[in-house]
Each structure stands twice: as C-alpha cells, then as structure tokens.
PDB file of all heavy atoms in Angstrom:
ATOM      1  N   SER A   1     -47.208 -40.658 -30.251  1.00  0.00           N
ATOM      2  CA  SER A   1     -45.947 -41.520 -30.285  1.00  0.00           C
ATOM      3  C   SER A   1     -45.770 -42.285 -29.005  1.00  0.00           C
ATOM      4  O   SER A   1     -46.461 -41.903 -27.900  1.00  0.00           O
ATOM      5  CB  SER A   1     -44.786 -40.627 -30.513  1.00  0.00           C
ATOM      6  OG  SER A   1     -44.629 -39.643 -29.400  1.00  0.00           O
ATOM      7  N   PRO A   2     -44.887 -43.387 -28.919  1.00  0.00           N
ATOM      8  CA  PRO A   2     -44.771 -44.029 -27.667  1.00  0.00           C
ATOM      9  C   PRO A   2     -44.274 -43.138 -26.543  1.00  0.00           C
ATOM     10  O   PRO A   2     -44.469 -43.501 -25.336  1.00  0.00           O
ATOM     11  CB  PRO A   2     -43.732 -45.103 -28.070  1.00  0.00           C
ATOM     12  CG  PRO A   2     -43.799 -45.291 -29.523  1.00  0.00           C
ATOM     13  CD  PRO A   2     -44.242 -43.928 -29.982  1.00  0.00           C
ATOM     14  N   GLU A   3     -43.505 -42.035 -26.847  1.00  0.00           N
ATOM     15  CA  GLU A   3     -43.057 -41.189 -25.777  1.00  0.00           C
ATOM     16  C   GLU A   3     -44.197 -40.384 -25.143  1.00  0.00           C
ATOM     17  O   GLU A   3     -44.237 -40.028 -23.998  1.00  0.00           O
ATOM     18  CB  GLU A   3     -41.977 -40.242 -26.251  1.00  0.00           C
ATOM     19  CG  GLU A   3     -40.681 -40.813 -26.645  1.00  0.00           C
ATOM     20  CD  GLU A   3     -40.643 -41.570 -27.948  1.00  0.00           C
ATOM     21  OE1 GLU A   3     -41.695 -41.392 -28.715  1.00  0.00           O
ATOM     22  OE2 GLU A   3     -39.789 -42.418 -28.316  1.00  0.00           O
ATOM     23  N   GLU A   4     -45.155 -40.031 -25.895  1.00  0.00           N
ATOM     24  CA  GLU A   4     -46.343 -39.308 -25.468  1.00  0.00           C
ATOM     25  C   GLU A   4     -47.295 -40.118 -24.631  1.00  0.00           C
ATOM     26  O   GLU A   4     -47.761 -39.802 -23.598  1.00  0.00           O
ATOM     27  CB  GLU A   4     -47.013 -38.627 -26.600  1.00  0.00           C
ATOM     28  CG  GLU A   4     -46.197 -37.584 -27.350  1.00  0.00           C
ATOM     29  CD  GLU A   4     -46.848 -37.034 -28.471  1.00  0.00           C
ATOM     30  OE1 GLU A   4     -47.852 -37.572 -29.006  1.00  0.00           O
ATOM     31  OE2 GLU A   4     -46.345 -35.958 -29.083  1.00  0.00           O
ATOM     32  N   ARG A   5     -47.715 -41.276 -25.250  1.00  0.00           N
ATOM     33  CA  ARG A   5     -48.631 -42.234 -24.619  1.00  0.00           C
ATOM     34  C   ARG A   5     -48.086 -43.643 -24.767  1.00  0.00           C
ATOM     35  O   ARG A   5     -47.521 -43.942 -25.806  1.00  0.00           O
ATOM     36  CB  ARG A   5     -49.992 -42.080 -25.147  1.00  0.00           C
ATOM     37  CG  ARG A   5     -50.699 -40.763 -24.717  1.00  0.00           C
ATOM     38  CD  ARG A   5     -52.194 -40.842 -25.218  1.00  0.00           C
ATOM     39  NE  ARG A   5     -52.825 -39.633 -24.898  1.00  0.00           N
ATOM     40  CZ  ARG A   5     -54.150 -39.374 -25.178  1.00  0.00           C
ATOM     41  NH1 ARG A   5     -54.891 -40.336 -25.720  1.00  0.00           N
ATOM     42  NH2 ARG A   5     -54.699 -38.239 -24.868  1.00  0.00           N
ATOM     43  N   ASP A   6     -48.412 -44.501 -23.750  1.00  0.00           N
ATOM     44  CA  ASP A   6     -47.991 -45.866 -23.858  1.00  0.00           C
ATOM     45  C   ASP A   6     -48.699 -46.506 -24.974  1.00  0.00           C
ATOM     46  O   ASP A   6     -49.958 -46.371 -25.081  1.00  0.00           O
ATOM     47  CB  ASP A   6     -48.235 -46.517 -22.519  1.00  0.00           C
ATOM     48  CG  ASP A   6     -47.302 -46.009 -21.484  1.00  0.00           C
ATOM     49  OD1 ASP A   6     -46.197 -45.470 -21.830  1.00  0.00           O
ATOM     50  OD2 ASP A   6     -47.687 -46.093 -20.237  1.00  0.00           O
ATOM     51  N   PRO A   7     -48.047 -47.393 -25.764  1.00  0.00           N
ATOM     52  CA  PRO A   7     -48.841 -48.130 -26.814  1.00  0.00           C
ATOM     53  C   PRO A   7     -49.760 -49.130 -26.198  1.00  0.00           C
ATOM     54  O   PRO A   7     -49.658 -49.486 -25.010  1.00  0.00           O
ATOM     55  CB  PRO A   7     -47.680 -48.880 -27.545  1.00  0.00           C
ATOM     56  CG  PRO A   7     -46.461 -48.103 -27.202  1.00  0.00           C
ATOM     57  CD  PRO A   7     -46.580 -47.541 -25.857  1.00  0.00           C
ATOM     58  N   ILE A   8     -50.748 -49.503 -27.008  1.00  0.00           N
ATOM     59  CA  ILE A   8     -51.861 -50.267 -26.571  1.00  0.00           C
ATOM     60  C   ILE A   8     -51.733 -51.767 -27.111  1.00  0.00           C
ATOM     61  O   ILE A   8     -51.527 -51.806 -28.308  1.00  0.00           O
ATOM     62  CB  ILE A   8     -53.149 -49.654 -26.799  1.00  0.00           C
ATOM     63  CG1 ILE A   8     -53.348 -48.278 -26.200  1.00  0.00           C
ATOM     64  CG2 ILE A   8     -54.363 -50.607 -26.399  1.00  0.00           C
ATOM     65  CD1 ILE A   8     -54.582 -47.601 -26.605  1.00  0.00           C
ATOM     66  N   PRO A   9     -51.755 -52.745 -26.295  1.00  0.00           N
ATOM     67  CA  PRO A   9     -51.712 -54.110 -26.983  1.00  0.00           C
ATOM     68  C   PRO A   9     -53.036 -54.535 -27.627  1.00  0.00           C
ATOM     69  O   PRO A   9     -54.015 -53.845 -27.330  1.00  0.00           O
ATOM     70  CB  PRO A   9     -51.443 -55.097 -25.721  1.00  0.00           C
ATOM     71  CG  PRO A   9     -51.990 -54.243 -24.538  1.00  0.00           C
ATOM     72  CD  PRO A   9     -51.789 -52.830 -24.889  1.00  0.00           C
ATOM     73  N   LEU A  10     -52.894 -55.515 -28.454  1.00  0.00           N
ATOM     74  CA  LEU A  10     -54.064 -55.956 -29.134  1.00  0.00           C
ATOM     75  C   LEU A  10     -54.998 -56.903 -28.258  1.00  0.00           C
ATOM     76  O   LEU A  10     -54.468 -57.440 -27.300  1.00  0.00           O
ATOM     77  CB  LEU A  10     -53.673 -56.807 -30.476  1.00  0.00           C
ATOM     78  CG  LEU A  10     -52.756 -56.008 -31.483  1.00  0.00           C
ATOM     79  CD1 LEU A  10     -52.468 -56.998 -32.562  1.00  0.00           C
ATOM     80  CD2 LEU A  10     -53.554 -54.831 -32.045  1.00  0.00           C
ATOM     81  N   SER A  11     -56.261 -56.833 -28.549  1.00  0.00           N
ATOM     82  CA  SER A  11     -57.131 -57.650 -27.791  1.00  0.00           C
ATOM     83  C   SER A  11     -57.267 -59.051 -28.397  1.00  0.00           C
ATOM     84  O   SER A  11     -57.801 -59.289 -29.505  1.00  0.00           O
ATOM     85  CB  SER A  11     -58.546 -57.019 -27.754  1.00  0.00           C
ATOM     86  OG  SER A  11     -59.466 -57.778 -27.059  1.00  0.00           O
ATOM     87  N   ILE A  12     -56.649 -60.004 -27.708  1.00  0.00           N
ATOM     88  CA  ILE A  12     -56.556 -61.395 -28.252  1.00  0.00           C
ATOM     89  C   ILE A  12     -57.356 -62.347 -27.289  1.00  0.00           C
ATOM     90  O   ILE A  12     -57.158 -62.345 -26.101  1.00  0.00           O
ATOM     91  CB  ILE A  12     -55.071 -61.849 -28.305  1.00  0.00           C
ATOM     92  CG1 ILE A  12     -54.330 -60.950 -29.302  1.00  0.00           C
ATOM     93  CG2 ILE A  12     -54.962 -63.328 -28.773  1.00  0.00           C
ATOM     94  CD1 ILE A  12     -52.856 -61.247 -29.432  1.00  0.00           C
ATOM     95  N   TYR A  13     -58.265 -62.994 -27.921  1.00  0.00           N
ATOM     96  CA  TYR A  13     -59.140 -64.008 -27.135  1.00  0.00           C
ATOM     97  C   TYR A  13     -58.494 -65.258 -26.875  1.00  0.00           C
ATOM     98  O   TYR A  13     -58.478 -65.751 -25.741  1.00  0.00           O
ATOM     99  CB  TYR A  13     -60.390 -64.218 -27.981  1.00  0.00           C
ATOM    100  CG  TYR A  13     -61.315 -63.020 -28.211  1.00  0.00           C
ATOM    101  CD1 TYR A  13     -61.782 -62.714 -29.427  1.00  0.00           C
ATOM    102  CD2 TYR A  13     -61.559 -62.093 -27.154  1.00  0.00           C
ATOM    103  CE1 TYR A  13     -62.626 -61.583 -29.660  1.00  0.00           C
ATOM    104  CE2 TYR A  13     -62.338 -61.036 -27.417  1.00  0.00           C
ATOM    105  CZ  TYR A  13     -62.897 -60.786 -28.528  1.00  0.00           C
ATOM    106  OH  TYR A  13     -63.677 -59.626 -28.782  1.00  0.00           O
ATOM    107  N   HIS A  14     -57.707 -65.912 -27.872  1.00  0.00           N
ATOM    108  CA  HIS A  14     -57.146 -67.183 -27.690  1.00  0.00           C
ATOM    109  C   HIS A  14     -55.967 -67.242 -28.658  1.00  0.00           C
ATOM    110  O   HIS A  14     -55.775 -66.344 -29.496  1.00  0.00           O
ATOM    111  CB  HIS A  14     -58.191 -68.329 -27.841  1.00  0.00           C
ATOM    112  CG  HIS A  14     -58.789 -68.361 -29.210  1.00  0.00           C
ATOM    113  ND1 HIS A  14     -58.254 -68.987 -30.297  1.00  0.00           N
ATOM    114  CD2 HIS A  14     -59.960 -67.811 -29.628  1.00  0.00           C
ATOM    115  CE1 HIS A  14     -59.036 -68.732 -31.286  1.00  0.00           C
ATOM    116  NE2 HIS A  14     -60.083 -68.061 -30.943  1.00  0.00           N
ATOM    117  N   MET A  15     -55.158 -68.253 -28.378  1.00  0.00           N
ATOM    118  CA  MET A  15     -53.972 -68.377 -29.282  1.00  0.00           C
ATOM    119  C   MET A  15     -54.053 -69.716 -30.043  1.00  0.00           C
ATOM    120  O   MET A  15     -53.686 -70.805 -29.468  1.00  0.00           O
ATOM    121  CB  MET A  15     -52.672 -68.384 -28.481  1.00  0.00           C
ATOM    122  CG  MET A  15     -52.357 -67.019 -27.875  1.00  0.00           C
ATOM    123  SD  MET A  15     -50.704 -67.005 -27.127  1.00  0.00           S
ATOM    124  CE  MET A  15     -50.993 -67.959 -25.612  1.00  0.00           C
ATOM    125  N   PRO A  16     -54.552 -69.744 -31.255  1.00  0.00           N
ATOM    126  CA  PRO A  16     -54.569 -70.943 -32.092  1.00  0.00           C
ATOM    127  C   PRO A  16     -53.144 -71.277 -32.559  1.00  0.00           C
ATOM    128  O   PRO A  16     -52.421 -70.437 -33.108  1.00  0.00           O
ATOM    129  CB  PRO A  16     -55.455 -70.671 -33.265  1.00  0.00           C
ATOM    130  CG  PRO A  16     -55.432 -69.155 -33.385  1.00  0.00           C
ATOM    131  CD  PRO A  16     -55.138 -68.615 -31.951  1.00  0.00           C
ATOM    132  N   ILE A  17     -52.798 -72.566 -32.457  1.00  0.00           N
ATOM    133  CA  ILE A  17     -51.418 -73.011 -32.785  1.00  0.00           C
ATOM    134  C   ILE A  17     -51.652 -74.266 -33.762  1.00  0.00           C
ATOM    135  O   ILE A  17     -52.399 -75.141 -33.362  1.00  0.00           O
ATOM    136  CB  ILE A  17     -50.625 -73.380 -31.568  1.00  0.00           C
ATOM    137  CG1 ILE A  17     -50.348 -72.065 -30.792  1.00  0.00           C
ATOM    138  CG2 ILE A  17     -49.290 -73.978 -31.998  1.00  0.00           C
ATOM    139  CD1 ILE A  17     -49.690 -72.275 -29.403  1.00  0.00           C
ATOM    140  N   SER A  18     -50.886 -74.289 -34.764  1.00  0.00           N
ATOM    141  CA  SER A  18     -50.914 -75.422 -35.694  1.00  0.00           C
ATOM    142  C   SER A  18     -50.043 -76.612 -35.387  1.00  0.00           C
ATOM    143  O   SER A  18     -48.841 -76.274 -34.883  1.00  0.00           O
ATOM    144  CB  SER A  18     -50.631 -74.918 -37.092  1.00  0.00           C
ATOM    145  OG  SER A  18     -50.608 -76.055 -38.011  1.00  0.00           O
ATOM    146  N   VAL A  19     -50.501 -77.806 -35.431  1.00  0.00           N
ATOM    147  CA  VAL A  19     -49.654 -78.961 -35.180  1.00  0.00           C
ATOM    148  C   VAL A  19     -49.838 -79.815 -36.416  1.00  0.00           C
ATOM    149  O   VAL A  19     -50.898 -80.206 -36.814  1.00  0.00           O
ATOM    150  CB  VAL A  19     -50.168 -79.677 -33.889  1.00  0.00           C
ATOM    151  CG1 VAL A  19     -49.317 -80.939 -33.699  1.00  0.00           C
ATOM    152  CG2 VAL A  19     -50.107 -78.861 -32.724  1.00  0.00           C
ATOM    153  N   SER A  20     -48.619 -80.236 -36.975  1.00  0.00           N
ATOM    154  CA  SER A  20     -48.584 -81.063 -38.163  1.00  0.00           C
ATOM    155  C   SER A  20     -48.276 -82.479 -37.846  1.00  0.00           C
ATOM    156  O   SER A  20     -47.399 -82.766 -37.053  1.00  0.00           O
ATOM    157  CB  SER A  20     -47.505 -80.448 -39.085  1.00  0.00           C
ATOM    158  OG  SER A  20     -47.846 -79.139 -39.485  1.00  0.00           O
ATOM    159  N   PHE A  21     -48.977 -83.348 -38.609  1.00  0.00           N
ATOM    160  CA  PHE A  21     -48.802 -84.795 -38.528  1.00  0.00           C
ATOM    161  C   PHE A  21     -48.516 -85.259 -39.907  1.00  0.00           C
ATOM    162  O   PHE A  21     -49.197 -85.017 -40.898  1.00  0.00           O
ATOM    163  CB  PHE A  21     -50.058 -85.496 -37.990  1.00  0.00           C
ATOM    164  CG  PHE A  21     -50.350 -85.104 -36.576  1.00  0.00           C
ATOM    165  CD1 PHE A  21     -51.245 -83.925 -36.466  1.00  0.00           C
ATOM    166  CD2 PHE A  21     -49.941 -85.725 -35.440  1.00  0.00           C
ATOM    167  CE1 PHE A  21     -51.721 -83.542 -35.193  1.00  0.00           C
ATOM    168  CE2 PHE A  21     -50.304 -85.202 -34.263  1.00  0.00           C
ATOM    169  CZ  PHE A  21     -51.202 -84.211 -34.064  1.00  0.00           C
ATOM    170  N   SER A  22     -47.479 -86.196 -40.045  1.00  0.00           N
ATOM    171  CA  SER A  22     -47.123 -86.737 -41.316  1.00  0.00           C
ATOM    172  C   SER A  22     -47.376 -88.279 -41.290  1.00  0.00           C
ATOM    173  O   SER A  22     -47.105 -88.945 -40.227  1.00  0.00           O
ATOM    174  CB  SER A  22     -45.652 -86.494 -41.704  1.00  0.00           C
ATOM    175  OG  SER A  22     -44.829 -86.950 -40.661  1.00  0.00           O
ATOM    176  N   PHE A  23     -47.987 -88.772 -42.318  1.00  0.00           N
ATOM    177  CA  PHE A  23     -48.276 -90.238 -42.462  1.00  0.00           C
ATOM    178  C   PHE A  23     -47.385 -90.903 -43.483  1.00  0.00           C
ATOM    179  O   PHE A  23     -47.071 -90.292 -44.586  1.00  0.00           O
ATOM    180  CB  PHE A  23     -49.793 -90.347 -42.906  1.00  0.00           C
ATOM    181  CG  PHE A  23     -50.771 -89.920 -41.799  1.00  0.00           C
ATOM    182  CD1 PHE A  23     -51.179 -88.540 -41.712  1.00  0.00           C
ATOM    183  CD2 PHE A  23     -51.187 -90.715 -40.724  1.00  0.00           C
ATOM    184  CE1 PHE A  23     -52.097 -88.182 -40.780  1.00  0.00           C
ATOM    185  CE2 PHE A  23     -52.036 -90.253 -39.749  1.00  0.00           C
ATOM    186  CZ  PHE A  23     -52.424 -88.934 -39.786  1.00  0.00           C
ATOM    187  N   PHE A  24     -47.079 -92.089 -43.148  1.00  0.00           N
ATOM    188  CA  PHE A  24     -46.191 -92.948 -44.050  1.00  0.00           C
ATOM    189  C   PHE A  24     -46.872 -94.259 -44.371  1.00  0.00           C
ATOM    190  O   PHE A  24     -47.642 -94.791 -43.439  1.00  0.00           O
ATOM    191  CB  PHE A  24     -44.770 -93.110 -43.447  1.00  0.00           C
ATOM    192  CG  PHE A  24     -44.183 -91.802 -43.124  1.00  0.00           C
ATOM    193  CD1 PHE A  24     -44.340 -91.213 -41.853  1.00  0.00           C
ATOM    194  CD2 PHE A  24     -43.336 -91.180 -43.971  1.00  0.00           C
ATOM    195  CE1 PHE A  24     -43.681 -90.035 -41.601  1.00  0.00           C
ATOM    196  CE2 PHE A  24     -42.672 -89.940 -43.702  1.00  0.00           C
ATOM    197  CZ  PHE A  24     -42.785 -89.413 -42.491  1.00  0.00           C
ATOM    198  N   GLN A  25     -46.462 -94.913 -45.385  1.00  0.00           N
ATOM    199  CA  GLN A  25     -46.979 -96.248 -45.722  1.00  0.00           C
ATOM    200  C   GLN A  25     -48.563 -96.212 -45.731  1.00  0.00           C
ATOM    201  O   GLN A  25     -49.171 -97.183 -45.126  1.00  0.00           O
ATOM    202  CB  GLN A  25     -46.414 -97.268 -44.834  1.00  0.00           C
ATOM    203  CG  GLN A  25     -44.909 -97.414 -44.781  1.00  0.00           C
ATOM    204  CD  GLN A  25     -44.334 -97.819 -46.129  1.00  0.00           C
ATOM    205  OE1 GLN A  25     -45.043 -98.402 -46.923  1.00  0.00           O
ATOM    206  NE2 GLN A  25     -43.014 -97.579 -46.296  1.00  0.00           N
ATOM    207  N   GLN A  26     -49.106 -95.266 -46.400  1.00  0.00           N
ATOM    208  CA  GLN A  26     -50.598 -95.165 -46.526  1.00  0.00           C
ATOM    209  C   GLN A  26     -51.281 -95.153 -45.136  1.00  0.00           C
ATOM    210  O   GLN A  26     -52.324 -95.825 -44.908  1.00  0.00           O
ATOM    211  CB  GLN A  26     -51.143 -96.378 -47.329  1.00  0.00           C
ATOM    212  CG  GLN A  26     -50.705 -96.371 -48.757  1.00  0.00           C
ATOM    213  CD  GLN A  26     -51.049 -95.170 -49.576  1.00  0.00           C
ATOM    214  OE1 GLN A  26     -52.237 -94.628 -49.290  1.00  0.00           O
ATOM    215  NE2 GLN A  26     -50.171 -94.548 -50.428  1.00  0.00           N
ATOM    216  N   GLY A  27     -50.685 -94.349 -44.233  1.00  0.00           N
ATOM    217  CA  GLY A  27     -51.338 -94.173 -42.928  1.00  0.00           C
ATOM    218  C   GLY A  27     -50.987 -95.109 -41.841  1.00  0.00           C
ATOM    219  O   GLY A  27     -51.480 -95.072 -40.763  1.00  0.00           O
ATOM    220  N   THR A  28     -50.022 -96.064 -42.241  1.00  0.00           N
ATOM    221  CA  THR A  28     -49.642 -97.056 -41.197  1.00  0.00           C
ATOM    222  C   THR A  28     -48.762 -96.409 -40.044  1.00  0.00           C
ATOM    223  O   THR A  28     -49.034 -96.775 -38.897  1.00  0.00           O
ATOM    224  CB  THR A  28     -48.793 -98.174 -41.848  1.00  0.00           C
ATOM    225  OG1 THR A  28     -49.589 -98.702 -42.940  1.00  0.00           O
ATOM    226  CG2 THR A  28     -48.472 -99.247 -40.865  1.00  0.00           C
ATOM    227  N   TYR A  29     -47.946 -95.470 -40.334  1.00  0.00           N
ATOM    228  CA  TYR A  29     -47.074 -94.933 -39.411  1.00  0.00           C
ATOM    229  C   TYR A  29     -47.296 -93.368 -39.338  1.00  0.00           C
ATOM    230  O   TYR A  29     -47.699 -92.725 -40.388  1.00  0.00           O
ATOM    231  CB  TYR A  29     -45.559 -95.103 -39.804  1.00  0.00           C
ATOM    232  CG  TYR A  29     -45.279 -96.581 -39.918  1.00  0.00           C
ATOM    233  CD1 TYR A  29     -45.078 -97.161 -41.087  1.00  0.00           C
ATOM    234  CD2 TYR A  29     -45.080 -97.417 -38.741  1.00  0.00           C
ATOM    235  CE1 TYR A  29     -44.749 -98.501 -41.234  1.00  0.00           C
ATOM    236  CE2 TYR A  29     -44.800 -98.774 -38.917  1.00  0.00           C
ATOM    237  CZ  TYR A  29     -44.590 -99.305 -40.139  1.00  0.00           C
ATOM    238  OH  TYR A  29     -44.298-100.646 -40.327  1.00  0.00           O
ATOM    239  N   LEU A  30     -47.196 -92.770 -38.063  1.00  0.00           N
ATOM    240  CA  LEU A  30     -47.458 -91.448 -37.882  1.00  0.00           C
ATOM    241  C   LEU A  30     -46.316 -90.735 -37.198  1.00  0.00           C
ATOM    242  O   LEU A  30     -45.719 -91.299 -36.268  1.00  0.00           O
ATOM    243  CB  LEU A  30     -48.818 -91.338 -36.979  1.00  0.00           C
ATOM    244  CG  LEU A  30     -49.039 -89.951 -36.348  1.00  0.00           C
ATOM    245  CD1 LEU A  30     -49.490 -88.973 -37.389  1.00  0.00           C
ATOM    246  CD2 LEU A  30     -50.292 -90.155 -35.343  1.00  0.00           C
ATOM    247  N   LEU A  31     -45.972 -89.530 -37.515  1.00  0.00           N
ATOM    248  CA  LEU A  31     -44.971 -88.762 -36.934  1.00  0.00           C
ATOM    249  C   LEU A  31     -45.379 -87.311 -36.623  1.00  0.00           C
ATOM    250  O   LEU A  31     -46.203 -86.766 -37.451  1.00  0.00           O
ATOM    251  CB  LEU A  31     -43.599 -88.670 -37.750  1.00  0.00           C
ATOM    252  CG  LEU A  31     -42.870 -89.896 -38.019  1.00  0.00           C
ATOM    253  CD1 LEU A  31     -41.617 -89.643 -38.863  1.00  0.00           C
ATOM    254  CD2 LEU A  31     -42.468 -90.518 -36.729  1.00  0.00           C
ATOM    255  N   VAL A  32     -45.032 -86.765 -35.573  1.00  0.00           N
ATOM    256  CA  VAL A  32     -45.228 -85.314 -35.219  1.00  0.00           C
ATOM    257  C   VAL A  32     -44.018 -84.448 -35.545  1.00  0.00           C
ATOM    258  O   VAL A  32     -42.960 -84.910 -35.318  1.00  0.00           O
ATOM    259  CB  VAL A  32     -45.654 -85.247 -33.667  1.00  0.00           C
ATOM    260  CG1 VAL A  32     -45.896 -83.732 -33.399  1.00  0.00           C
ATOM    261  CG2 VAL A  32     -46.916 -86.099 -33.373  1.00  0.00           C
ATOM    262  N   ASP A  33     -44.309 -83.281 -36.047  1.00  0.00           N
ATOM    263  CA  ASP A  33     -43.209 -82.340 -36.337  1.00  0.00           C
ATOM    264  C   ASP A  33     -42.200 -82.904 -37.386  1.00  0.00           C
ATOM    265  O   ASP A  33     -41.147 -83.203 -36.927  1.00  0.00           O
ATOM    266  CB  ASP A  33     -42.550 -81.834 -35.033  1.00  0.00           C
ATOM    267  CG  ASP A  33     -41.452 -80.834 -35.310  1.00  0.00           C
ATOM    268  OD1 ASP A  33     -41.613 -80.150 -36.423  1.00  0.00           O
ATOM    269  OD2 ASP A  33     -40.544 -80.638 -34.543  1.00  0.00           O
ATOM    270  N   PRO A  34     -42.598 -83.294 -38.570  1.00  0.00           N
ATOM    271  CA  PRO A  34     -41.724 -83.919 -39.557  1.00  0.00           C
ATOM    272  C   PRO A  34     -40.608 -82.979 -39.945  1.00  0.00           C
ATOM    273  O   PRO A  34     -40.724 -81.725 -40.009  1.00  0.00           O
ATOM    274  CB  PRO A  34     -42.584 -84.185 -40.773  1.00  0.00           C
ATOM    275  CG  PRO A  34     -43.724 -83.201 -40.665  1.00  0.00           C
ATOM    276  CD  PRO A  34     -43.870 -82.959 -39.220  1.00  0.00           C
ATOM    277  N   SER A  35     -39.388 -83.495 -40.084  1.00  0.00           N
ATOM    278  CA  SER A  35     -38.257 -82.706 -40.627  1.00  0.00           C
ATOM    279  C   SER A  35     -38.322 -82.584 -42.182  1.00  0.00           C
ATOM    280  O   SER A  35     -39.217 -83.196 -42.778  1.00  0.00           O
ATOM    281  CB  SER A  35     -36.915 -83.349 -40.119  1.00  0.00           C
ATOM    282  OG  SER A  35     -36.787 -84.582 -40.765  1.00  0.00           O
ATOM    283  N   GLU A  36     -37.360 -81.894 -42.753  1.00  0.00           N
ATOM    284  CA  GLU A  36     -37.398 -81.635 -44.163  1.00  0.00           C
ATOM    285  C   GLU A  36     -37.221 -82.957 -44.924  1.00  0.00           C
ATOM    286  O   GLU A  36     -37.942 -83.203 -45.968  1.00  0.00           O
ATOM    287  CB  GLU A  36     -36.258 -80.630 -44.574  1.00  0.00           C
ATOM    288  CG  GLU A  36     -36.381 -80.090 -45.962  1.00  0.00           C
ATOM    289  CD  GLU A  36     -35.453 -80.897 -46.883  1.00  0.00           C
ATOM    290  OE1 GLU A  36     -34.560 -81.590 -46.447  1.00  0.00           O
ATOM    291  OE2 GLU A  36     -35.651 -80.815 -48.083  1.00  0.00           O
ATOM    292  N   ARG A  37     -36.388 -83.916 -44.529  1.00  0.00           N
ATOM    293  CA  ARG A  37     -36.187 -85.159 -45.211  1.00  0.00           C
ATOM    294  C   ARG A  37     -37.412 -86.022 -45.027  1.00  0.00           C
ATOM    295  O   ARG A  37     -37.810 -86.818 -45.946  1.00  0.00           O
ATOM    296  CB  ARG A  37     -35.013 -85.841 -44.682  1.00  0.00           C
ATOM    297  CG  ARG A  37     -33.663 -85.205 -45.168  1.00  0.00           C
ATOM    298  CD  ARG A  37     -32.476 -85.970 -44.728  1.00  0.00           C
ATOM    299  NE  ARG A  37     -31.235 -85.304 -45.171  1.00  0.00           N
ATOM    300  CZ  ARG A  37     -30.667 -85.628 -46.382  1.00  0.00           C
ATOM    301  NH1 ARG A  37     -31.232 -86.500 -47.202  1.00  0.00           N
ATOM    302  NH2 ARG A  37     -29.613 -85.024 -46.705  1.00  0.00           N
ATOM    303  N   GLU A  38     -37.992 -86.041 -43.861  1.00  0.00           N
ATOM    304  CA  GLU A  38     -39.262 -86.798 -43.552  1.00  0.00           C
ATOM    305  C   GLU A  38     -40.400 -86.307 -44.396  1.00  0.00           C
ATOM    306  O   GLU A  38     -41.226 -87.184 -44.831  1.00  0.00           O
ATOM    307  CB  GLU A  38     -39.501 -86.791 -42.126  1.00  0.00           C
ATOM    308  CG  GLU A  38     -38.568 -87.526 -41.249  1.00  0.00           C
ATOM    309  CD  GLU A  38     -38.672 -87.289 -39.797  1.00  0.00           C
ATOM    310  OE1 GLU A  38     -39.528 -86.420 -39.378  1.00  0.00           O
ATOM    311  OE2 GLU A  38     -38.133 -87.997 -38.971  1.00  0.00           O
ATOM    312  N   GLU A  39     -40.444 -85.032 -44.649  1.00  0.00           N
ATOM    313  CA  GLU A  39     -41.560 -84.481 -45.515  1.00  0.00           C
ATOM    314  C   GLU A  39     -41.413 -84.960 -46.930  1.00  0.00           C
ATOM    315  O   GLU A  39     -42.405 -85.038 -47.654  1.00  0.00           O
ATOM    316  CB  GLU A  39     -41.524 -82.908 -45.454  1.00  0.00           C
ATOM    317  CG  GLU A  39     -42.024 -82.417 -44.181  1.00  0.00           C
ATOM    318  CD  GLU A  39     -42.066 -80.818 -44.223  1.00  0.00           C
ATOM    319  OE1 GLU A  39     -41.467 -80.296 -45.167  1.00  0.00           O
ATOM    320  OE2 GLU A  39     -42.662 -80.227 -43.288  1.00  0.00           O
ATOM    321  N   ARG A  40     -40.205 -85.258 -47.381  1.00  0.00           N
ATOM    322  CA  ARG A  40     -40.077 -85.685 -48.725  1.00  0.00           C
ATOM    323  C   ARG A  40     -40.552 -87.145 -48.988  1.00  0.00           C
ATOM    324  O   ARG A  40     -40.897 -87.466 -50.156  1.00  0.00           O
ATOM    325  CB  ARG A  40     -38.553 -85.638 -49.157  1.00  0.00           C
ATOM    326  CG  ARG A  40     -37.911 -84.303 -49.200  1.00  0.00           C
ATOM    327  CD  ARG A  40     -36.611 -84.291 -49.857  1.00  0.00           C
ATOM    328  NE  ARG A  40     -35.900 -83.063 -49.875  1.00  0.00           N
ATOM    329  CZ  ARG A  40     -34.797 -82.747 -50.501  1.00  0.00           C
ATOM    330  NH1 ARG A  40     -34.236 -83.748 -51.199  1.00  0.00           N
ATOM    331  NH2 ARG A  40     -34.298 -81.508 -50.531  1.00  0.00           N
ATOM    332  N   VAL A  41     -40.566 -87.950 -48.012  1.00  0.00           N
ATOM    333  CA  VAL A  41     -40.947 -89.300 -48.171  1.00  0.00           C
ATOM    334  C   VAL A  41     -42.333 -89.689 -47.644  1.00  0.00           C
ATOM    335  O   VAL A  41     -42.749 -90.826 -47.689  1.00  0.00           O
ATOM    336  CB  VAL A  41     -39.919 -90.260 -47.523  1.00  0.00           C
ATOM    337  CG1 VAL A  41     -38.511 -90.129 -48.197  1.00  0.00           C
ATOM    338  CG2 VAL A  41     -39.838 -90.058 -46.023  1.00  0.00           C
ATOM    339  N   MET A  42     -43.056 -88.582 -47.105  1.00  0.00           N
ATOM    340  CA  MET A  42     -44.331 -88.834 -46.503  1.00  0.00           C
ATOM    341  C   MET A  42     -45.414 -89.044 -47.587  1.00  0.00           C
ATOM    342  O   MET A  42     -45.225 -88.508 -48.702  1.00  0.00           O
ATOM    343  CB  MET A  42     -44.721 -87.687 -45.507  1.00  0.00           C
ATOM    344  CG  MET A  42     -44.967 -86.473 -46.147  1.00  0.00           C
ATOM    345  SD  MET A  42     -45.321 -85.154 -44.977  1.00  0.00           S
ATOM    346  CE  MET A  42     -45.635 -83.741 -46.068  1.00  0.00           C
ATOM    347  N   ASP A  43     -46.469 -89.724 -47.225  1.00  0.00           N
ATOM    348  CA  ASP A  43     -47.584 -89.889 -48.200  1.00  0.00           C
ATOM    349  C   ASP A  43     -48.630 -88.871 -47.942  1.00  0.00           C
ATOM    350  O   ASP A  43     -49.368 -88.585 -48.866  1.00  0.00           O
ATOM    351  CB  ASP A  43     -48.172 -91.341 -47.950  1.00  0.00           C
ATOM    352  CG  ASP A  43     -47.143 -92.424 -48.357  1.00  0.00           C
ATOM    353  OD1 ASP A  43     -46.292 -92.100 -49.222  1.00  0.00           O
ATOM    354  OD2 ASP A  43     -47.172 -93.551 -47.770  1.00  0.00           O
ATOM    355  N   GLY A  44     -48.826 -88.299 -46.712  1.00  0.00           N
ATOM    356  CA  GLY A  44     -49.941 -87.367 -46.498  1.00  0.00           C
ATOM    357  C   GLY A  44     -49.497 -86.507 -45.275  1.00  0.00           C
ATOM    358  O   GLY A  44     -48.717 -86.865 -44.483  1.00  0.00           O
TER     359      GLY A  44
END
C-alpha cells in the first residue's frame, strides 16, 4: 500500500501530443484548434 512503500511512477520516454488543423474552402484556409462551430463547416 502507499503507506507501506512509496508508489512508483511510470517510465515515460517522451510525451506525444496531438495538434489538430482544420481546412476550409478545399484547403485554401487553415485554422489551428478549431471550435465546435468551426468543425461543422470545415472541409477536412
């Protein structure tokens, strides 16, 4: 238990993070971190 011995953290090599890009007008315009309304009108 944690009272008997200290817990051990996981061995993590790196931290992969996802970044989303939304495209509009067939790739003419680009946005980072689209909101919910922007996701409805995006093309890709």
